[in-house]
Amino acid sequence: MRTTRVIDALRARTDASAVVACVCLLLVLAHGSETLLTAFTARAGLSVVPSALGVPFALPGLRATPLGATDWTWQLCENFAALLLIATATARMRRHLRIRPEAGRARRLFAGWTALMAGTAAAGTWRGMVTARMLESGLWGWLLLPASGALFGALWGVALGWLPGAAALATPAPPRAVS
């Protein structure tokens, strides 16, 4: 009987982590779409203002070819940032489910939300370091660009975190222990 409960708890933990990973994958694929990116920047022009200062724009886009005049090095770094976002968010969700397997619905929503925030902050840090390297920045560039990338990445995570949070709510909760 105990073995069945353990297997059910592991299955629920894997399901929630996999769902968060899939939502994050869909988000980075959507941000890699030229059509969506062009439509978004045309309607929300103020969202590109931080990019004028060197802060990475939105979430990293996962795409097969470089966008516009960017080269392959930049595109490979963007793809790595997208994969880093997915891996960090999945690891954050798995950690939450391992530490608090019997958490309620509100906590699961918050865990999915903060999972995307952690992933976007990690990806923003990486993208800031790549920008500092590409611009051949000095010491302040190496300090400020990754920090601002993490900050603005986390802000994008706050704005879009409800998506993986809601997806985590849709997964079955692990079974409660019977006393």
N, C-alpha and C. Protein backbone atom coordinates (compact mmCIF):
# COMPACT_ATOMS: atom_id res chain seq x y z
N MET A 1 0.82 -1.19 0.00
CA MET A 1 0.00 0.00 0.00
C MET A 1 0.87 1.26 0.00
N ARG A 2 1.92 1.26 0.83
CA ARG A 2 2.81 2.42 0.92
C ARG A 2 3.53 2.63 -0.41
N THR A 3 3.92 1.56 -1.07
CA THR A 3 4.62 1.67 -2.35
C THR A 3 3.74 2.35 -3.39
N THR A 4 2.48 2.05 -3.39
CA THR A 4 1.54 2.67 -4.33
C THR A 4 1.45 4.17 -4.09
N ARG A 5 1.38 4.58 -2.82
CA ARG A 5 1.32 6.00 -2.50
C ARG A 5 2.59 6.72 -2.94
N VAL A 6 3.74 6.09 -2.76
CA VAL A 6 5.01 6.68 -3.16
C VAL A 6 5.05 6.84 -4.68
N ILE A 7 4.62 5.82 -5.40
CA ILE A 7 4.61 5.89 -6.86
C ILE A 7 3.64 6.96 -7.33
N ASP A 8 2.47 7.07 -6.70
CA ASP A 8 1.51 8.11 -7.07
C ASP A 8 2.06 9.50 -6.79
N ALA A 9 2.76 9.66 -5.67
CA ALA A 9 3.36 10.95 -5.34
C ALA A 9 4.44 11.32 -6.35
N LEU A 10 5.27 10.35 -6.75
CA LEU A 10 6.30 10.60 -7.75
C LEU A 10 5.68 10.94 -9.11
N ARG A 11 4.61 10.27 -9.46
CA ARG A 11 3.94 10.54 -10.74
C ARG A 11 3.35 11.96 -10.74
N ALA A 12 2.74 12.38 -9.64
CA ALA A 12 2.17 13.73 -9.56
C ALA A 12 3.28 14.77 -9.60
N ARG A 13 4.41 14.48 -8.95
CA ARG A 13 5.53 15.42 -8.96
C ARG A 13 6.08 15.56 -10.38
N THR A 14 6.23 14.45 -11.07
CA THR A 14 6.73 14.48 -12.43
C THR A 14 5.75 15.18 -13.35
N ASP A 15 4.46 14.95 -13.17
CA ASP A 15 3.47 15.59 -14.02
C ASP A 15 3.51 17.11 -13.89
N ALA A 16 3.55 17.63 -12.68
CA ALA A 16 3.58 19.09 -12.49
C ALA A 16 4.85 19.69 -13.05
N SER A 17 5.98 19.02 -12.86
CA SER A 17 7.24 19.53 -13.39
C SER A 17 7.24 19.51 -14.91
N ALA A 18 6.70 18.44 -15.48
CA ALA A 18 6.65 18.33 -16.93
C ALA A 18 5.71 19.37 -17.53
N VAL A 19 4.61 19.63 -16.85
CA VAL A 19 3.66 20.64 -17.35
C VAL A 19 4.29 22.03 -17.32
N VAL A 20 4.99 22.36 -16.25
CA VAL A 20 5.68 23.65 -16.16
C VAL A 20 6.75 23.75 -17.25
N ALA A 21 7.48 22.66 -17.48
CA ALA A 21 8.50 22.66 -18.54
C ALA A 21 7.86 22.87 -19.91
N CYS A 22 6.73 22.23 -20.16
CA CYS A 22 6.04 22.40 -21.45
C CYS A 22 5.53 23.82 -21.64
N VAL A 23 4.99 24.42 -20.59
CA VAL A 23 4.51 25.80 -20.70
C VAL A 23 5.68 26.74 -20.97
N CYS A 24 6.79 26.53 -20.28
CA CYS A 24 7.98 27.37 -20.52
C CYS A 24 8.50 27.17 -21.94
N LEU A 25 8.47 25.94 -22.43
CA LEU A 25 8.88 25.69 -23.81
C LEU A 25 7.98 26.42 -24.79
N LEU A 26 6.69 26.38 -24.55
CA LEU A 26 5.76 27.11 -25.43
C LEU A 26 6.00 28.61 -25.38
N LEU A 27 6.32 29.14 -24.21
CA LEU A 27 6.59 30.57 -24.09
C LEU A 27 7.84 30.98 -24.87
N VAL A 28 8.92 30.21 -24.76
CA VAL A 28 10.14 30.59 -25.49
C VAL A 28 9.97 30.35 -26.99
N LEU A 29 9.17 29.37 -27.38
CA LEU A 29 8.88 29.19 -28.80
C LEU A 29 8.05 30.36 -29.33
N ALA A 30 7.09 30.81 -28.54
CA ALA A 30 6.27 31.95 -28.96
C ALA A 30 7.12 33.22 -29.06
N HIS A 31 8.05 33.40 -28.13
CA HIS A 31 8.91 34.57 -28.19
C HIS A 31 9.94 34.46 -29.31
N GLY A 32 10.12 33.29 -29.87
CA GLY A 32 11.00 33.11 -31.01
C GLY A 32 10.30 33.36 -32.33
N SER A 33 9.00 33.50 -32.30
CA SER A 33 8.23 33.73 -33.52
C SER A 33 8.38 35.18 -33.98
N GLU A 34 8.79 35.36 -35.22
CA GLU A 34 8.94 36.72 -35.76
C GLU A 34 7.60 37.43 -35.83
N THR A 35 6.57 36.71 -36.19
CA THR A 35 5.24 37.32 -36.32
C THR A 35 4.75 37.84 -34.98
N LEU A 36 4.86 37.02 -33.94
CA LEU A 36 4.41 37.44 -32.61
C LEU A 36 5.27 38.58 -32.08
N LEU A 37 6.56 38.49 -32.28
CA LEU A 37 7.47 39.53 -31.79
C LEU A 37 7.19 40.87 -32.46
N THR A 38 6.97 40.84 -33.77
CA THR A 38 6.68 42.08 -34.50
C THR A 38 5.33 42.66 -34.07
N ALA A 39 4.32 41.81 -33.94
CA ALA A 39 3.00 42.30 -33.53
C ALA A 39 3.04 42.86 -32.11
N PHE A 40 3.77 42.21 -31.22
CA PHE A 40 3.84 42.69 -29.83
C PHE A 40 4.55 44.03 -29.74
N THR A 41 5.69 44.15 -30.39
CA THR A 41 6.44 45.41 -30.29
C THR A 41 5.72 46.55 -30.99
N ALA A 42 4.91 46.24 -32.00
CA ALA A 42 4.14 47.29 -32.67
C ALA A 42 3.03 47.82 -31.77
N ARG A 43 2.44 46.96 -30.94
CA ARG A 43 1.33 47.36 -30.09
C ARG A 43 1.76 47.83 -28.70
N ALA A 44 2.90 47.36 -28.24
CA ALA A 44 3.39 47.73 -26.91
C ALA A 44 4.80 48.31 -27.07
N GLY A 45 4.88 49.46 -27.69
CA GLY A 45 6.16 50.07 -28.02
C GLY A 45 7.04 50.38 -26.82
N LEU A 46 6.43 50.72 -25.69
CA LEU A 46 7.23 51.06 -24.51
C LEU A 46 7.98 49.85 -23.94
N SER A 47 7.59 48.65 -24.34
CA SER A 47 8.26 47.46 -23.82
C SER A 47 9.69 47.34 -24.36
N VAL A 48 10.02 48.03 -25.42
CA VAL A 48 11.37 47.95 -25.98
C VAL A 48 12.31 49.03 -25.44
N VAL A 49 11.82 49.92 -24.59
CA VAL A 49 12.65 50.99 -24.06
C VAL A 49 13.84 50.45 -23.26
N PRO A 50 13.69 49.47 -22.35
CA PRO A 50 14.88 48.96 -21.67
C PRO A 50 15.91 48.37 -22.63
N SER A 51 15.46 47.83 -23.75
CA SER A 51 16.40 47.26 -24.72
C SER A 51 17.31 48.31 -25.32
N ALA A 52 16.84 49.55 -25.38
CA ALA A 52 17.68 50.63 -25.88
C ALA A 52 18.87 50.89 -24.96
N LEU A 53 18.76 50.47 -23.71
CA LEU A 53 19.86 50.63 -22.76
C LEU A 53 20.72 49.38 -22.64
N GLY A 54 20.42 48.35 -23.43
CA GLY A 54 21.23 47.14 -23.42
C GLY A 54 20.62 45.99 -22.65
N VAL A 55 19.44 46.19 -22.07
CA VAL A 55 18.78 45.12 -21.32
C VAL A 55 18.13 44.16 -22.32
N PRO A 56 18.28 42.86 -22.13
CA PRO A 56 17.67 41.91 -23.07
C PRO A 56 16.15 42.06 -23.09
N PHE A 57 15.56 41.93 -24.28
CA PHE A 57 14.13 42.13 -24.47
C PHE A 57 13.36 40.84 -24.17
N ALA A 58 12.33 40.96 -23.36
CA ALA A 58 11.35 39.89 -23.10
C ALA A 58 12.03 38.59 -22.70
N LEU A 59 11.41 37.49 -23.09
CA LEU A 59 11.98 36.17 -22.83
C LEU A 59 12.89 35.80 -24.00
N PRO A 60 13.85 34.93 -23.76
CA PRO A 60 14.67 34.51 -24.90
C PRO A 60 13.83 33.70 -25.88
N GLY A 61 14.07 33.91 -27.14
CA GLY A 61 13.31 33.19 -28.16
C GLY A 61 14.07 31.97 -28.64
N LEU A 62 13.39 30.85 -28.68
CA LEU A 62 13.98 29.62 -29.20
C LEU A 62 13.60 29.53 -30.67
N ARG A 63 14.58 29.65 -31.54
CA ARG A 63 14.31 29.60 -32.98
C ARG A 63 15.47 28.90 -33.68
N ALA A 64 15.22 28.48 -34.92
CA ALA A 64 16.21 27.71 -35.68
C ALA A 64 17.16 28.60 -36.47
N THR A 65 16.75 29.80 -36.80
CA THR A 65 17.60 30.68 -37.59
C THR A 65 17.72 32.03 -36.90
N PRO A 66 18.79 32.76 -37.15
CA PRO A 66 18.94 34.08 -36.54
C PRO A 66 17.85 35.05 -37.00
N LEU A 67 17.52 35.96 -36.14
CA LEU A 67 16.48 36.95 -36.42
C LEU A 67 17.13 38.23 -36.93
N GLY A 68 16.67 38.70 -38.07
CA GLY A 68 17.16 39.97 -38.61
C GLY A 68 18.64 39.92 -38.94
N ALA A 69 19.37 40.90 -38.43
CA ALA A 69 20.80 41.02 -38.74
C ALA A 69 21.69 40.36 -37.68
N THR A 70 21.11 39.61 -36.77
CA THR A 70 21.93 38.95 -35.76
C THR A 70 22.67 37.77 -36.39
N ASP A 71 23.78 37.39 -35.78
CA ASP A 71 24.57 36.29 -36.33
C ASP A 71 24.29 34.99 -35.57
N TRP A 72 24.95 33.94 -35.99
CA TRP A 72 24.71 32.63 -35.39
C TRP A 72 25.19 32.56 -33.94
N THR A 73 26.24 33.27 -33.61
CA THR A 73 26.72 33.26 -32.23
C THR A 73 25.65 33.81 -31.29
N TRP A 74 25.07 34.92 -31.69
CA TRP A 74 24.01 35.53 -30.87
C TRP A 74 22.82 34.58 -30.75
N GLN A 75 22.46 33.94 -31.87
CA GLN A 75 21.31 33.04 -31.85
C GLN A 75 21.56 31.82 -30.97
N LEU A 76 22.75 31.27 -31.01
CA LEU A 76 23.07 30.13 -30.16
C LEU A 76 23.03 30.52 -28.68
N CYS A 77 23.48 31.74 -28.38
CA CYS A 77 23.40 32.23 -26.99
C CYS A 77 21.95 32.42 -26.56
N GLU A 78 21.09 32.91 -27.46
CA GLU A 78 19.67 33.05 -27.16
C GLU A 78 19.02 31.68 -26.93
N ASN A 79 19.38 30.72 -27.76
CA ASN A 79 18.82 29.37 -27.60
C ASN A 79 19.27 28.76 -26.28
N PHE A 80 20.54 29.00 -25.91
CA PHE A 80 21.01 28.50 -24.62
C PHE A 80 20.25 29.17 -23.47
N ALA A 81 19.99 30.47 -23.59
CA ALA A 81 19.22 31.17 -22.56
C ALA A 81 17.80 30.60 -22.46
N ALA A 82 17.20 30.27 -23.59
CA ALA A 82 15.86 29.67 -23.56
C ALA A 82 15.88 28.31 -22.87
N LEU A 83 16.89 27.51 -23.17
CA LEU A 83 16.99 26.20 -22.51
C LEU A 83 17.32 26.35 -21.03
N LEU A 84 18.11 27.35 -20.68
CA LEU A 84 18.41 27.64 -19.27
C LEU A 84 17.14 28.04 -18.53
N LEU A 85 16.30 28.83 -19.16
CA LEU A 85 15.02 29.22 -18.57
C LEU A 85 14.17 27.99 -18.27
N ILE A 86 14.05 27.10 -19.24
CA ILE A 86 13.23 25.90 -19.07
C ILE A 86 13.80 25.02 -17.96
N ALA A 87 15.11 24.81 -17.97
CA ALA A 87 15.74 23.95 -16.97
C ALA A 87 15.61 24.53 -15.57
N THR A 88 15.80 25.82 -15.42
CA THR A 88 15.70 26.45 -14.10
C THR A 88 14.28 26.40 -13.58
N ALA A 89 13.31 26.70 -14.44
CA ALA A 89 11.91 26.66 -14.00
C ALA A 89 11.49 25.25 -13.61
N THR A 90 11.92 24.27 -14.38
CA THR A 90 11.58 22.88 -14.06
C THR A 90 12.23 22.45 -12.74
N ALA A 91 13.49 22.82 -12.56
CA ALA A 91 14.18 22.46 -11.31
C ALA A 91 13.53 23.13 -10.12
N ARG A 92 13.10 24.37 -10.26
CA ARG A 92 12.42 25.09 -9.17
C ARG A 92 11.10 24.42 -8.83
N MET A 93 10.36 23.99 -9.84
CA MET A 93 9.08 23.33 -9.58
C MET A 93 9.29 21.95 -8.95
N ARG A 94 10.30 21.23 -9.43
CA ARG A 94 10.59 19.90 -8.84
C ARG A 94 11.01 20.05 -7.37
N ARG A 95 11.79 21.09 -7.08
CA ARG A 95 12.22 21.32 -5.69
C ARG A 95 11.01 21.60 -4.80
N HIS A 96 10.11 22.43 -5.29
CA HIS A 96 8.92 22.74 -4.51
C HIS A 96 8.11 21.46 -4.25
N LEU A 97 7.93 20.65 -5.27
CA LEU A 97 7.12 19.44 -5.11
C LEU A 97 7.82 18.40 -4.24
N ARG A 98 9.14 18.41 -4.23
CA ARG A 98 9.86 17.47 -3.37
C ARG A 98 9.80 17.90 -1.90
N ILE A 99 9.93 19.21 -1.66
CA ILE A 99 9.95 19.70 -0.28
C ILE A 99 8.54 19.78 0.30
N ARG A 100 7.57 20.21 -0.49
CA ARG A 100 6.19 20.37 -0.03
C ARG A 100 5.22 19.58 -0.91
N PRO A 101 5.26 18.25 -0.81
CA PRO A 101 4.39 17.46 -1.69
C PRO A 101 2.91 17.62 -1.39
N GLU A 102 2.57 18.04 -0.20
CA GLU A 102 1.16 18.16 0.17
C GLU A 102 0.71 19.63 0.20
N ALA A 103 1.38 20.47 -0.55
CA ALA A 103 1.03 21.90 -0.57
C ALA A 103 -0.34 22.09 -1.19
N GLY A 104 -1.00 23.14 -0.77
CA GLY A 104 -2.33 23.44 -1.29
C GLY A 104 -2.28 24.07 -2.68
N ARG A 105 -3.44 24.41 -3.18
CA ARG A 105 -3.56 24.95 -4.53
C ARG A 105 -2.89 26.32 -4.67
N ALA A 106 -3.04 27.17 -3.67
CA ALA A 106 -2.42 28.49 -3.74
C ALA A 106 -0.90 28.39 -3.77
N ARG A 107 -0.37 27.48 -2.99
CA ARG A 107 1.08 27.31 -2.96
C ARG A 107 1.60 26.73 -4.27
N ARG A 108 0.82 25.85 -4.88
CA ARG A 108 1.23 25.28 -6.16
C ARG A 108 1.21 26.35 -7.26
N LEU A 109 0.20 27.21 -7.24
CA LEU A 109 0.13 28.32 -8.18
C LEU A 109 1.35 29.23 -8.00
N PHE A 110 1.65 29.56 -6.75
CA PHE A 110 2.78 30.43 -6.46
C PHE A 110 4.10 29.76 -6.86
N ALA A 111 4.21 28.45 -6.69
CA ALA A 111 5.44 27.74 -7.07
C ALA A 111 5.64 27.78 -8.58
N GLY A 112 4.57 27.60 -9.35
CA GLY A 112 4.68 27.70 -10.80
C GLY A 112 5.05 29.10 -11.23
N TRP A 113 4.46 30.08 -10.55
CA TRP A 113 4.74 31.48 -10.86
C TRP A 113 6.21 31.81 -10.59
N THR A 114 6.68 31.44 -9.40
CA THR A 114 8.08 31.74 -9.06
C THR A 114 9.05 30.88 -9.85
N ALA A 115 8.61 29.74 -10.35
CA ALA A 115 9.48 28.94 -11.20
C ALA A 115 9.83 29.70 -12.48
N LEU A 116 8.82 30.33 -13.09
CA LEU A 116 9.11 31.13 -14.28
C LEU A 116 9.94 32.35 -13.93
N MET A 117 9.68 32.96 -12.79
CA MET A 117 10.49 34.11 -12.37
C MET A 117 11.96 33.73 -12.21
N ALA A 118 12.22 32.58 -11.59
CA ALA A 118 13.60 32.12 -11.43
C ALA A 118 14.24 31.82 -12.78
N GLY A 119 13.47 31.19 -13.66
CA GLY A 119 14.00 30.87 -14.99
C GLY A 119 14.30 32.11 -15.80
N THR A 120 13.41 33.10 -15.77
CA THR A 120 13.66 34.32 -16.54
C THR A 120 14.80 35.14 -15.95
N ALA A 121 14.96 35.10 -14.64
CA ALA A 121 16.09 35.81 -14.01
C ALA A 121 17.41 35.15 -14.40
N ALA A 122 17.46 33.83 -14.39
CA ALA A 122 18.69 33.13 -14.78
C ALA A 122 19.00 33.38 -16.25
N ALA A 123 17.98 33.31 -17.10
CA ALA A 123 18.19 33.57 -18.53
C ALA A 123 18.60 35.02 -18.77
N GLY A 124 18.01 35.95 -18.02
CA GLY A 124 18.37 37.36 -18.14
C GLY A 124 19.80 37.63 -17.73
N THR A 125 20.26 36.93 -16.71
CA THR A 125 21.65 37.07 -16.28
C THR A 125 22.59 36.60 -17.39
N TRP A 126 22.30 35.44 -17.97
CA TRP A 126 23.11 34.93 -19.07
C TRP A 126 23.10 35.89 -20.26
N ARG A 127 21.92 36.36 -20.62
CA ARG A 127 21.80 37.27 -21.76
C ARG A 127 22.53 38.59 -21.49
N GLY A 128 22.52 39.06 -20.23
CA GLY A 128 23.27 40.26 -19.88
C GLY A 128 24.78 40.04 -20.00
N MET A 129 25.25 38.84 -19.62
CA MET A 129 26.67 38.54 -19.76
C MET A 129 27.06 38.45 -21.24
N VAL A 130 26.20 37.88 -22.05
CA VAL A 130 26.47 37.81 -23.49
C VAL A 130 26.52 39.21 -24.09
N THR A 131 25.59 40.07 -23.68
CA THR A 131 25.59 41.44 -24.17
C THR A 131 26.86 42.17 -23.75
N ALA A 132 27.28 41.98 -22.51
CA ALA A 132 28.51 42.61 -22.04
C ALA A 132 29.71 42.13 -22.85
N ARG A 133 29.73 40.87 -23.18
CA ARG A 133 30.84 40.33 -23.98
C ARG A 133 30.80 40.85 -25.41
N MET A 134 29.60 40.88 -26.00
CA MET A 134 29.49 41.34 -27.39
C MET A 134 29.83 42.84 -27.52
N LEU A 135 29.51 43.62 -26.49
CA LEU A 135 29.81 45.04 -26.52
C LEU A 135 31.22 45.35 -26.03
N GLU A 136 31.93 44.33 -25.57
CA GLU A 136 33.27 44.49 -24.99
C GLU A 136 33.25 45.54 -23.89
N SER A 137 32.32 45.35 -22.96
CA SER A 137 32.12 46.29 -21.86
C SER A 137 33.27 46.26 -20.88
N GLY A 138 33.34 47.32 -20.12
CA GLY A 138 34.31 47.38 -19.04
C GLY A 138 33.72 46.71 -17.80
N LEU A 139 34.32 47.01 -16.67
CA LEU A 139 33.90 46.40 -15.41
C LEU A 139 32.43 46.71 -15.09
N TRP A 140 32.02 47.96 -15.27
CA TRP A 140 30.64 48.32 -14.95
C TRP A 140 29.65 47.63 -15.87
N GLY A 141 30.01 47.43 -17.10
CA GLY A 141 29.14 46.70 -18.02
C GLY A 141 28.98 45.25 -17.61
N TRP A 142 30.08 44.64 -17.18
CA TRP A 142 30.01 43.25 -16.72
C TRP A 142 29.23 43.10 -15.42
N LEU A 143 29.16 44.17 -14.64
CA LEU A 143 28.38 44.11 -13.40
C LEU A 143 26.92 44.49 -13.62
N LEU A 144 26.69 45.56 -14.37
CA LEU A 144 25.34 46.10 -14.50
C LEU A 144 24.47 45.38 -15.52
N LEU A 145 25.03 44.96 -16.64
CA LEU A 145 24.21 44.30 -17.66
C LEU A 145 23.63 42.96 -17.18
N PRO A 146 24.41 42.08 -16.55
CA PRO A 146 23.78 40.86 -16.01
C PRO A 146 22.77 41.15 -14.89
N ALA A 147 23.07 42.14 -14.05
CA ALA A 147 22.13 42.48 -12.97
C ALA A 147 20.82 43.04 -13.53
N SER A 148 20.93 43.92 -14.52
CA SER A 148 19.71 44.46 -15.11
C SER A 148 18.98 43.40 -15.93
N GLY A 149 19.72 42.49 -16.54
CA GLY A 149 19.09 41.38 -17.24
C GLY A 149 18.31 40.49 -16.29
N ALA A 150 18.88 40.23 -15.13
CA ALA A 150 18.17 39.42 -14.13
C ALA A 150 16.93 40.15 -13.60
N LEU A 151 17.06 41.44 -13.36
CA LEU A 151 15.93 42.22 -12.85
C LEU A 151 14.79 42.28 -13.85
N PHE A 152 15.10 42.65 -15.09
CA PHE A 152 14.04 42.74 -16.09
C PHE A 152 13.52 41.37 -16.49
N GLY A 153 14.38 40.35 -16.43
CA GLY A 153 13.91 38.99 -16.67
C GLY A 153 12.90 38.57 -15.60
N ALA A 154 13.22 38.88 -14.35
CA ALA A 154 12.29 38.55 -13.27
C ALA A 154 10.98 39.32 -13.41
N LEU A 155 11.05 40.57 -13.90
CA LEU A 155 9.81 41.33 -14.13
C LEU A 155 8.95 40.68 -15.22
N TRP A 156 9.59 40.18 -16.28
CA TRP A 156 8.83 39.44 -17.29
C TRP A 156 8.26 38.16 -16.68
N GLY A 157 8.98 37.55 -15.75
CA GLY A 157 8.47 36.37 -15.05
C GLY A 157 7.26 36.70 -14.20
N VAL A 158 7.27 37.88 -13.58
CA VAL A 158 6.11 38.32 -12.80
C VAL A 158 4.91 38.50 -13.72
N ALA A 159 5.14 39.08 -14.89
CA ALA A 159 4.05 39.34 -15.81
C ALA A 159 3.47 38.07 -16.43
N LEU A 160 4.30 37.09 -16.70
CA LEU A 160 3.85 35.88 -17.39
C LEU A 160 3.80 34.64 -16.50
N GLY A 161 4.14 34.79 -15.23
CA GLY A 161 4.22 33.64 -14.33
C GLY A 161 2.91 32.93 -14.06
N TRP A 162 1.80 33.61 -14.30
CA TRP A 162 0.51 32.98 -14.06
C TRP A 162 0.27 31.82 -15.02
N LEU A 163 0.93 31.82 -16.16
CA LEU A 163 0.72 30.72 -17.13
C LEU A 163 1.24 29.38 -16.61
N PRO A 164 2.52 29.27 -16.18
CA PRO A 164 2.93 27.98 -15.61
C PRO A 164 2.28 27.71 -14.26
N GLY A 165 1.94 28.78 -13.54
CA GLY A 165 1.24 28.58 -12.26
C GLY A 165 -0.12 27.95 -12.46
N ALA A 166 -0.87 28.44 -13.44
CA ALA A 166 -2.18 27.85 -13.73
C ALA A 166 -2.05 26.44 -14.27
N ALA A 167 -1.00 26.20 -15.06
CA ALA A 167 -0.77 24.85 -15.57
C ALA A 167 -0.42 23.89 -14.43
N ALA A 168 0.32 24.36 -13.44
CA ALA A 168 0.65 23.51 -12.29
C ALA A 168 -0.60 23.17 -11.49
N LEU A 169 -1.57 24.08 -11.47
CA LEU A 169 -2.83 23.80 -10.78
C LEU A 169 -3.64 22.72 -11.48
N ALA A 170 -3.47 22.61 -12.79
CA ALA A 170 -4.24 21.63 -13.55
C ALA A 170 -3.79 20.20 -13.33
N THR A 171 -2.60 20.01 -12.79
CA THR A 171 -2.10 18.65 -12.55
C THR A 171 -2.69 18.10 -11.26
N PRO A 172 -2.84 16.79 -11.19
CA PRO A 172 -3.38 16.21 -9.96
C PRO A 172 -2.42 16.38 -8.78
N ALA A 173 -2.98 16.68 -7.64
CA ALA A 173 -2.17 16.81 -6.43
C ALA A 173 -1.73 15.44 -5.96
N PRO A 174 -0.55 15.34 -5.34
CA PRO A 174 -0.14 14.05 -4.82
C PRO A 174 -1.08 13.60 -3.72
N PRO A 175 -1.22 12.30 -3.54
CA PRO A 175 -2.16 11.80 -2.52
C PRO A 175 -1.70 12.17 -1.11
N ARG A 176 -2.66 12.48 -0.28
CA ARG A 176 -2.35 12.84 1.11
C ARG A 176 -2.07 11.56 1.90
N ALA A 177 -1.20 11.71 2.88
CA ALA A 177 -0.86 10.55 3.72
C ALA A 177 -2.05 10.23 4.63
N VAL A 178 -2.33 8.95 4.72
CA VAL A 178 -3.43 8.49 5.57
C VAL A 178 -2.87 8.15 6.94
N SER A 179 -3.46 8.74 7.97
CA SER A 179 -2.95 8.50 9.34
C SER A 179 -3.48 7.22 9.91
